[in-house]
Amino acid sequence: MVEQTIVGLLNRHVDSQLPVQVDSVTHTASTGQANLTALVEAVDARLRELEHDATAVLPETNRWEDGGLLVHWTARKRARGEEREPVAFSTTRSGD
């Protein structure tokens, strides 16, 4: 499943103090090839922005789309005492 591939890539290449959850992965077109490196770079850049923006309202749902693939992901503040956990795929929302 593409969801596990995306979660695995984010876990290997994104280092953030904010917990991240992939909410949905949807195929918006039957053709095309998404650039997953661009996804990792976009998520990493957005997380860095959120970490340094004291006015950011979290949790915040973010969206990335490329090559017929649409990914919604959420970043949130870590609860006091909460241990750092890897990126997860939401079990409450589902994509196609």
C-alpha atoms as a PDB file:
ATOM      1  CA  MET A   1       0.000   0.000   0.000  1.00  0.00           C
ATOM      2  CA  VAL A   2       1.194   3.466  -0.857  1.00  0.00           C
ATOM      3  CA  GLU A   3       0.238   4.730   2.619  1.00  0.00           C
ATOM      4  CA  GLN A   4       2.873   2.547   4.278  1.00  0.00           C
ATOM      5  CA  THR A   5       5.472   3.648   1.734  1.00  0.00           C
ATOM      6  CA  ILE A   6       4.741   7.302   2.481  1.00  0.00           C
ATOM      7  CA  VAL A   7       4.783   6.788   6.257  1.00  0.00           C
ATOM      8  CA  GLY A   8       8.083   4.885   5.953  1.00  0.00           C
ATOM      9  CA  LEU A   9       9.673   7.646   3.870  1.00  0.00           C
ATOM     10  CA  LEU A  10       8.557  10.341   6.292  1.00  0.00           C
ATOM     11  CA  ASN A  11       9.860   8.344   9.256  1.00  0.00           C
ATOM     12  CA  ARG A  12      13.269   7.952   7.619  1.00  0.00           C
ATOM     13  CA  HIS A  13      13.704  11.480   6.306  1.00  0.00           C
ATOM     14  CA  VAL A  14      11.708  13.934   8.438  1.00  0.00           C
ATOM     15  CA  ASP A  15      12.977  15.000  11.846  1.00  0.00           C
ATOM     16  CA  SER A  16      10.513  17.165  13.745  1.00  0.00           C
ATOM     17  CA  GLN A  17       9.458  17.865  17.297  1.00  0.00           C
ATOM     18  CA  LEU A  18       5.842  17.920  16.077  1.00  0.00           C
ATOM     19  CA  PRO A  19       3.956  14.630  15.858  1.00  0.00           C
ATOM     20  CA  VAL A  20       2.788  13.934  12.304  1.00  0.00           C
ATOM     21  CA  GLN A  21      -0.097  11.797  11.136  1.00  0.00           C
ATOM     22  CA  VAL A  22      -0.943  10.953   7.523  1.00  0.00           C
ATOM     23  CA  ASP A  23      -4.721  11.352   7.396  1.00  0.00           C
ATOM     24  CA  SER A  24      -5.467  10.223   3.864  1.00  0.00           C
ATOM     25  CA  VAL A  25      -3.839   9.229   0.606  1.00  0.00           C
ATOM     26  CA  THR A  26      -6.040   9.502  -2.470  1.00  0.00           C
ATOM     27  CA  HIS A  27      -5.369   8.780  -6.118  1.00  0.00           C
ATOM     28  CA  THR A  28      -6.786  11.765  -8.017  1.00  0.00           C
ATOM     29  CA  ALA A  29      -5.801  10.506 -11.463  1.00  0.00           C
ATOM     30  CA  SER A  30      -5.313   7.048 -12.891  1.00  0.00           C
ATOM     31  CA  THR A  31      -2.068   8.034 -14.586  1.00  0.00           C
ATOM     32  CA  GLY A  32       0.981   9.902 -13.481  1.00  0.00           C
ATOM     33  CA  GLN A  33       3.748   9.303 -11.045  1.00  0.00           C
ATOM     34  CA  ALA A  34       4.118  11.265  -7.833  1.00  0.00           C
ATOM     35  CA  ASN A  35       7.505  12.578  -6.772  1.00  0.00           C
ATOM     36  CA  LEU A  36       7.717  11.240  -3.218  1.00  0.00           C
ATOM     37  CA  THR A  37      11.020  13.036  -2.654  1.00  0.00           C
ATOM     38  CA  ALA A  38       9.114  16.280  -3.218  1.00  0.00           C
ATOM     39  CA  LEU A  39       6.538  15.131  -0.642  1.00  0.00           C
ATOM     40  CA  VAL A  40       9.234  14.534   1.970  1.00  0.00           C
ATOM     41  CA  GLU A  41      10.812  17.922   1.236  1.00  0.00           C
ATOM     42  CA  ALA A  42       7.439  19.698   1.421  1.00  0.00           C
ATOM     43  CA  VAL A  43       6.462  18.045   4.714  1.00  0.00           C
ATOM     44  CA  ASP A  44       9.881  18.738   6.227  1.00  0.00           C
ATOM     45  CA  ALA A  45       9.801  22.397   5.159  1.00  0.00           C
ATOM     46  CA  ARG A  46       6.262  22.906   6.484  1.00  0.00           C
ATOM     47  CA  LEU A  47       7.142  21.296   9.815  1.00  0.00           C
ATOM     48  CA  ARG A  48      10.148  23.602  10.199  1.00  0.00           C
ATOM     49  CA  GLU A  49       7.850  26.583   9.558  1.00  0.00           C
ATOM     50  CA  LEU A  50       5.314  25.357  12.115  1.00  0.00           C
ATOM     51  CA  GLU A  51       7.990  24.666  14.742  1.00  0.00           C
ATOM     52  CA  HIS A  52       9.215  28.270  14.536  1.00  0.00           C
ATOM     53  CA  ASP A  53       5.813  29.972  14.255  1.00  0.00           C
ATOM     54  CA  ALA A  54       4.542  30.778  17.732  1.00  0.00           C
ATOM     55  CA  THR A  55       1.202  31.863  16.266  1.00  0.00           C
ATOM     56  CA  ALA A  56       0.567  28.586  14.420  1.00  0.00           C
ATOM     57  CA  VAL A  57      -2.726  26.971  15.325  1.00  0.00           C
ATOM     58  CA  LEU A  58      -2.260  23.226  15.708  1.00  0.00           C
ATOM     59  CA  PRO A  59      -3.395  20.638  14.892  1.00  0.00           C
ATOM     60  CA  GLU A  60      -3.278  21.789  11.316  1.00  0.00           C
ATOM     61  CA  THR A  61      -4.257  19.720   8.311  1.00  0.00           C
ATOM     62  CA  ASN A  62      -1.889  20.132   5.388  1.00  0.00           C
ATOM     63  CA  ARG A  63      -2.262  19.051   1.791  1.00  0.00           C
ATOM     64  CA  TRP A  64       0.241  17.931  -0.847  1.00  0.00           C
ATOM     65  CA  GLU A  65      -0.600  16.854  -4.395  1.00  0.00           C
ATOM     66  CA  ASP A  66       1.549  15.645  -7.276  1.00  0.00           C
ATOM     67  CA  GLY A  67       1.262  13.210 -10.175  1.00  0.00           C
ATOM     68  CA  GLY A  68      -2.240  12.033  -9.329  1.00  0.00           C
ATOM     69  CA  LEU A  69      -1.574  11.530  -5.624  1.00  0.00           C
ATOM     70  CA  LEU A  70      -3.181  13.671  -2.896  1.00  0.00           C
ATOM     71  CA  VAL A  71      -1.893  13.408   0.675  1.00  0.00           C
ATOM     72  CA  HIS A  72      -3.517  15.072   3.687  1.00  0.00           C
ATOM     73  CA  TRP A  73      -1.417  15.123   6.846  1.00  0.00           C
ATOM     74  CA  THR A  74      -1.709  16.705  10.257  1.00  0.00           C
ATOM     75  CA  ALA A  75       0.882  18.186  12.583  1.00  0.00           C
ATOM     76  CA  ARG A  76       0.049  18.847  16.219  1.00  0.00           C
ATOM     77  CA  LYS A  77       1.744  19.983  19.390  1.00  0.00           C
ATOM     78  CA  ARG A  78       3.178  17.293  21.598  1.00  0.00           C
ATOM     79  CA  ALA A  79       1.414  16.867  24.932  1.00  0.00           C
ATOM     80  CA  ARG A  80       3.485  17.466  28.060  1.00  0.00           C
ATOM     81  CA  GLY A  81       5.434  14.311  28.819  1.00  0.00           C
ATOM     82  CA  GLU A  82       4.467  12.689  25.510  1.00  0.00           C
ATOM     83  CA  GLU A  83       7.267  10.630  24.052  1.00  0.00           C
ATOM     84  CA  ARG A  84       8.408  11.143  20.513  1.00  0.00           C
ATOM     85  CA  GLU A  85       6.651   8.732  18.187  1.00  0.00           C
ATOM     86  CA  PRO A  86       7.114   8.007  14.513  1.00  0.00           C
ATOM     87  CA  VAL A  87       4.847   9.286  11.767  1.00  0.00           C
ATOM     88  CA  ALA A  88       1.610   7.303  11.760  1.00  0.00           C
ATOM     89  CA  PHE A  89      -1.229   6.654   9.340  1.00  0.00           C
ATOM     90  CA  SER A  90      -4.643   7.594  10.677  1.00  0.00           C
ATOM     91  CA  THR A  91      -6.955   4.675  11.310  1.00  0.00           C
ATOM     92  CA  THR A  92      -9.954   6.966  11.728  1.00  0.00           C
ATOM     93  CA  ARG A  93      -9.824   8.470   8.235  1.00  0.00           C
ATOM     94  CA  SER A  94      -9.197   6.599   5.032  1.00  0.00           C
ATOM     95  CA  GLY A  95      -8.178   7.376   1.487  1.00  0.00           C
ATOM     96  CA  ASP A  96      -8.847   5.476  -1.710  1.00  0.00           C
END
